[in-house]
C-alpha cells in the first residue's frame, strides 16, 4: 500500500477498513456513499451513488450549513 501511495504521489490520509468495521458501524449497504458528520458525531447528510450536478450542489449546501453551526458546548 505504501508503495502505491508513493507511486501515485498521494499525500492525503487514506483510510483502510480491511475488517469492514467502519462499513458495519454505518450500516453501509451501497458504494459509493458519502456522509457528512456534524461536530457532535451525528450523520447529518448522506448521499448514495455518484454525484451529479444537482446532488453536488446539495452536498455543498449541507457542508455550508454544518460549517455555519456554532461549536458544541464542551
N, C-alpha and C. Protein backbone atom coordinates (compact mmCIF):
# COMPACT_ATOMS: atom_id res chain seq x y z
N UNK A 1 0.81 -1.19 0.00
CA UNK A 1 0.00 0.00 0.00
C UNK A 1 0.86 1.26 0.00
N UNK A 2 1.87 1.29 0.85
CA UNK A 2 2.74 2.48 0.90
C UNK A 2 3.42 2.71 -0.44
N UNK A 3 3.75 1.62 -1.12
CA UNK A 3 4.37 1.76 -2.44
C UNK A 3 3.41 2.44 -3.42
N UNK A 4 2.14 2.03 -3.38
CA UNK A 4 1.15 2.62 -4.28
C UNK A 4 0.94 4.10 -3.96
N UNK A 5 0.89 4.44 -2.68
CA UNK A 5 0.73 5.84 -2.29
C UNK A 5 1.90 6.68 -2.81
N UNK A 6 3.09 6.16 -2.67
CA UNK A 6 4.27 6.88 -3.16
C UNK A 6 4.26 6.97 -4.69
N UNK A 7 3.94 5.87 -5.35
CA UNK A 7 3.93 5.84 -6.81
C UNK A 7 2.95 6.85 -7.40
N UNK A 8 1.79 6.97 -6.78
CA UNK A 8 0.77 7.89 -7.28
C UNK A 8 0.83 9.26 -6.60
N UNK A 9 1.86 9.45 -5.78
CA UNK A 9 2.09 10.72 -5.09
C UNK A 9 0.88 11.17 -4.29
N UNK A 10 0.27 10.23 -3.59
CA UNK A 10 -0.88 10.54 -2.74
C UNK A 10 -0.35 10.95 -1.38
N UNK A 11 -0.66 12.18 -0.99
CA UNK A 11 -0.12 12.72 0.26
C UNK A 11 -1.19 12.91 1.34
N UNK A 12 -2.46 12.74 0.97
CA UNK A 12 -3.53 12.91 1.95
C UNK A 12 -3.77 11.59 2.67
N UNK A 13 -4.43 11.64 3.85
CA UNK A 13 -4.69 10.40 4.60
C UNK A 13 -5.60 9.45 3.81
N UNK A 14 -5.32 8.18 3.91
CA UNK A 14 -6.12 7.15 3.25
C UNK A 14 -6.60 6.18 4.32
N UNK A 15 -7.90 6.01 4.42
CA UNK A 15 -8.48 5.10 5.41
C UNK A 15 -8.48 3.67 4.87
N UNK A 16 -8.09 2.75 5.73
CA UNK A 16 -8.10 1.33 5.38
C UNK A 16 -9.11 0.65 6.31
N UNK A 17 -10.04 -0.10 5.73
CA UNK A 17 -11.09 -0.74 6.51
C UNK A 17 -11.17 -2.22 6.12
N UNK A 18 -10.03 -2.90 6.22
CA UNK A 18 -9.96 -4.29 5.78
C UNK A 18 -10.93 -5.19 6.52
N UNK A 19 -11.22 -4.89 7.79
CA UNK A 19 -12.13 -5.71 8.57
C UNK A 19 -13.58 -5.24 8.49
N UNK A 20 -13.82 -4.20 7.67
CA UNK A 20 -15.14 -3.65 7.44
C UNK A 20 -15.82 -3.13 8.71
N UNK A 21 -15.04 -2.71 9.70
CA UNK A 21 -15.61 -2.19 10.93
C UNK A 21 -16.35 -0.88 10.69
N UNK A 22 -15.76 0.03 9.94
CA UNK A 22 -16.42 1.30 9.65
C UNK A 22 -17.64 1.05 8.79
N UNK A 23 -17.51 0.20 7.80
CA UNK A 23 -18.62 -0.14 6.91
C UNK A 23 -19.82 -0.61 7.73
N UNK A 24 -19.58 -1.52 8.68
CA UNK A 24 -20.66 -2.05 9.51
C UNK A 24 -21.19 -1.01 10.50
N UNK A 25 -20.31 -0.17 11.04
CA UNK A 25 -20.73 0.84 12.01
C UNK A 25 -21.77 1.79 11.42
N UNK A 26 -21.67 2.09 10.13
CA UNK A 26 -22.62 2.97 9.47
C UNK A 26 -23.72 2.20 8.74
N UNK A 27 -23.78 0.89 8.96
CA UNK A 27 -24.77 0.05 8.27
C UNK A 27 -24.71 0.30 6.76
N UNK A 28 -23.49 0.39 6.27
CA UNK A 28 -23.22 0.69 4.86
C UNK A 28 -23.71 -0.45 3.98
N UNK A 29 -24.49 -0.10 2.95
CA UNK A 29 -25.00 -1.11 2.04
C UNK A 29 -24.70 -0.80 0.58
N UNK A 30 -24.31 0.44 0.30
CA UNK A 30 -24.13 0.85 -1.09
C UNK A 30 -22.77 1.53 -1.27
N UNK A 31 -22.21 1.40 -2.46
CA UNK A 31 -20.96 2.05 -2.80
C UNK A 31 -21.15 2.78 -4.11
N UNK A 32 -20.75 4.03 -4.19
CA UNK A 32 -20.21 4.86 -3.12
C UNK A 32 -21.34 5.51 -2.30
N UNK A 33 -21.04 5.80 -1.05
CA UNK A 33 -21.93 6.57 -0.19
C UNK A 33 -21.09 7.63 0.49
N UNK A 34 -21.59 8.86 0.51
CA UNK A 34 -20.90 9.98 1.14
C UNK A 34 -21.69 10.39 2.38
N UNK A 35 -20.98 10.57 3.48
CA UNK A 35 -21.59 11.01 4.73
C UNK A 35 -20.98 12.33 5.15
N UNK A 36 -21.80 13.22 5.69
CA UNK A 36 -21.30 14.39 6.39
C UNK A 36 -21.70 14.21 7.85
N UNK A 37 -20.73 14.35 8.72
CA UNK A 37 -20.94 14.12 10.15
C UNK A 37 -20.72 15.44 10.87
N UNK A 38 -21.66 15.80 11.74
CA UNK A 38 -21.57 17.09 12.41
C UNK A 38 -20.55 17.06 13.56
N UNK A 39 -20.42 18.18 14.23
CA UNK A 39 -19.43 18.34 15.29
C UNK A 39 -19.74 17.48 16.50
N UNK A 40 -20.96 16.96 16.58
CA UNK A 40 -21.36 16.08 17.68
C UNK A 40 -21.28 14.61 17.30
N UNK A 41 -20.81 14.34 16.08
CA UNK A 41 -20.66 12.97 15.63
C UNK A 41 -21.90 12.35 15.03
N UNK A 42 -22.92 13.16 14.73
CA UNK A 42 -24.16 12.64 14.13
C UNK A 42 -24.11 12.77 12.61
N UNK A 43 -24.65 11.78 11.93
CA UNK A 43 -24.75 11.85 10.47
C UNK A 43 -25.83 12.87 10.13
N UNK A 44 -25.45 13.88 9.36
CA UNK A 44 -26.38 14.95 9.02
C UNK A 44 -26.71 14.99 7.53
N UNK A 45 -25.93 14.29 6.74
CA UNK A 45 -26.18 14.25 5.30
C UNK A 45 -25.65 12.92 4.78
N UNK A 46 -26.39 12.31 3.89
CA UNK A 46 -25.96 11.07 3.27
C UNK A 46 -26.35 11.10 1.80
N UNK A 47 -25.42 10.74 0.95
CA UNK A 47 -25.71 10.65 -0.48
C UNK A 47 -25.22 9.30 -0.99
N UNK A 48 -26.11 8.56 -1.60
CA UNK A 48 -25.78 7.25 -2.15
C UNK A 48 -25.58 7.40 -3.65
N UNK A 49 -24.46 6.90 -4.15
CA UNK A 49 -24.17 6.93 -5.58
C UNK A 49 -23.22 8.04 -5.97
N UNK A 50 -22.94 8.09 -7.25
CA UNK A 50 -22.06 9.13 -7.78
C UNK A 50 -22.76 10.48 -7.70
N UNK A 51 -21.97 11.55 -7.60
CA UNK A 51 -22.54 12.88 -7.58
C UNK A 51 -22.86 13.35 -9.00
N UNK A 52 -23.99 14.03 -9.12
CA UNK A 52 -24.37 14.68 -10.36
C UNK A 52 -24.42 16.18 -10.10
N UNK A 53 -24.76 16.96 -11.09
CA UNK A 53 -24.78 18.42 -10.93
C UNK A 53 -25.72 18.84 -9.80
N UNK A 54 -26.88 18.25 -9.69
CA UNK A 54 -27.81 18.62 -8.62
C UNK A 54 -27.36 18.14 -7.26
N UNK A 55 -26.89 16.91 -7.19
CA UNK A 55 -26.51 16.36 -5.89
C UNK A 55 -25.23 16.99 -5.36
N UNK A 56 -24.32 17.43 -6.23
CA UNK A 56 -23.11 18.07 -5.71
C UNK A 56 -23.45 19.43 -5.11
N UNK A 57 -24.41 20.14 -5.68
CA UNK A 57 -24.84 21.41 -5.11
C UNK A 57 -25.53 21.19 -3.76
N UNK A 58 -26.29 20.11 -3.67
CA UNK A 58 -26.93 19.76 -2.41
C UNK A 58 -25.89 19.47 -1.33
N UNK A 59 -24.83 18.75 -1.69
CA UNK A 59 -23.76 18.45 -0.74
C UNK A 59 -23.04 19.72 -0.29
N UNK A 60 -22.77 20.62 -1.22
CA UNK A 60 -22.12 21.89 -0.87
C UNK A 60 -22.99 22.67 0.10
N UNK A 61 -24.29 22.71 -0.14
CA UNK A 61 -25.21 23.41 0.77
C UNK A 61 -25.19 22.78 2.16
N UNK A 62 -25.14 21.46 2.22
CA UNK A 62 -25.09 20.77 3.51
C UNK A 62 -23.78 21.08 4.24
N UNK A 63 -22.68 21.12 3.51
CA UNK A 63 -21.38 21.46 4.11
C UNK A 63 -21.43 22.88 4.66
N UNK A 64 -21.96 23.81 3.87
CA UNK A 64 -22.03 25.20 4.32
C UNK A 64 -22.90 25.34 5.57
N UNK A 65 -24.00 24.60 5.62
CA UNK A 65 -24.87 24.62 6.79
C UNK A 65 -24.13 24.13 8.03
N UNK A 66 -23.44 23.01 7.88
CA UNK A 66 -22.71 22.46 9.03
C UNK A 66 -21.58 23.38 9.48
N UNK A 67 -20.89 23.99 8.54
CA UNK A 67 -19.79 24.88 8.90
C UNK A 67 -20.28 26.13 9.60
N UNK A 68 -21.50 26.55 9.32
CA UNK A 68 -22.05 27.77 9.92
C UNK A 68 -22.57 27.54 11.35
N UNK A 69 -22.73 26.27 11.73
CA UNK A 69 -23.25 25.99 13.06
C UNK A 69 -22.20 26.32 14.11
N UNK A 70 -22.64 26.79 15.28
CA UNK A 70 -21.69 27.09 16.35
C UNK A 70 -21.04 25.80 16.88
N UNK A 71 -19.88 25.98 17.48
CA UNK A 71 -19.20 24.82 18.10
C UNK A 71 -20.06 24.31 19.25
N UNK A 72 -20.07 22.99 19.46
CA UNK A 72 -20.84 22.45 20.58
C UNK A 72 -20.24 22.92 21.91
N UNK A 73 -21.08 23.08 22.89
CA UNK A 73 -20.62 23.48 24.22
C UNK A 73 -19.90 22.29 24.85
N UNK A 74 -18.74 22.58 25.36
CA UNK A 74 -17.94 21.48 25.94
C UNK A 74 -18.11 21.40 27.42
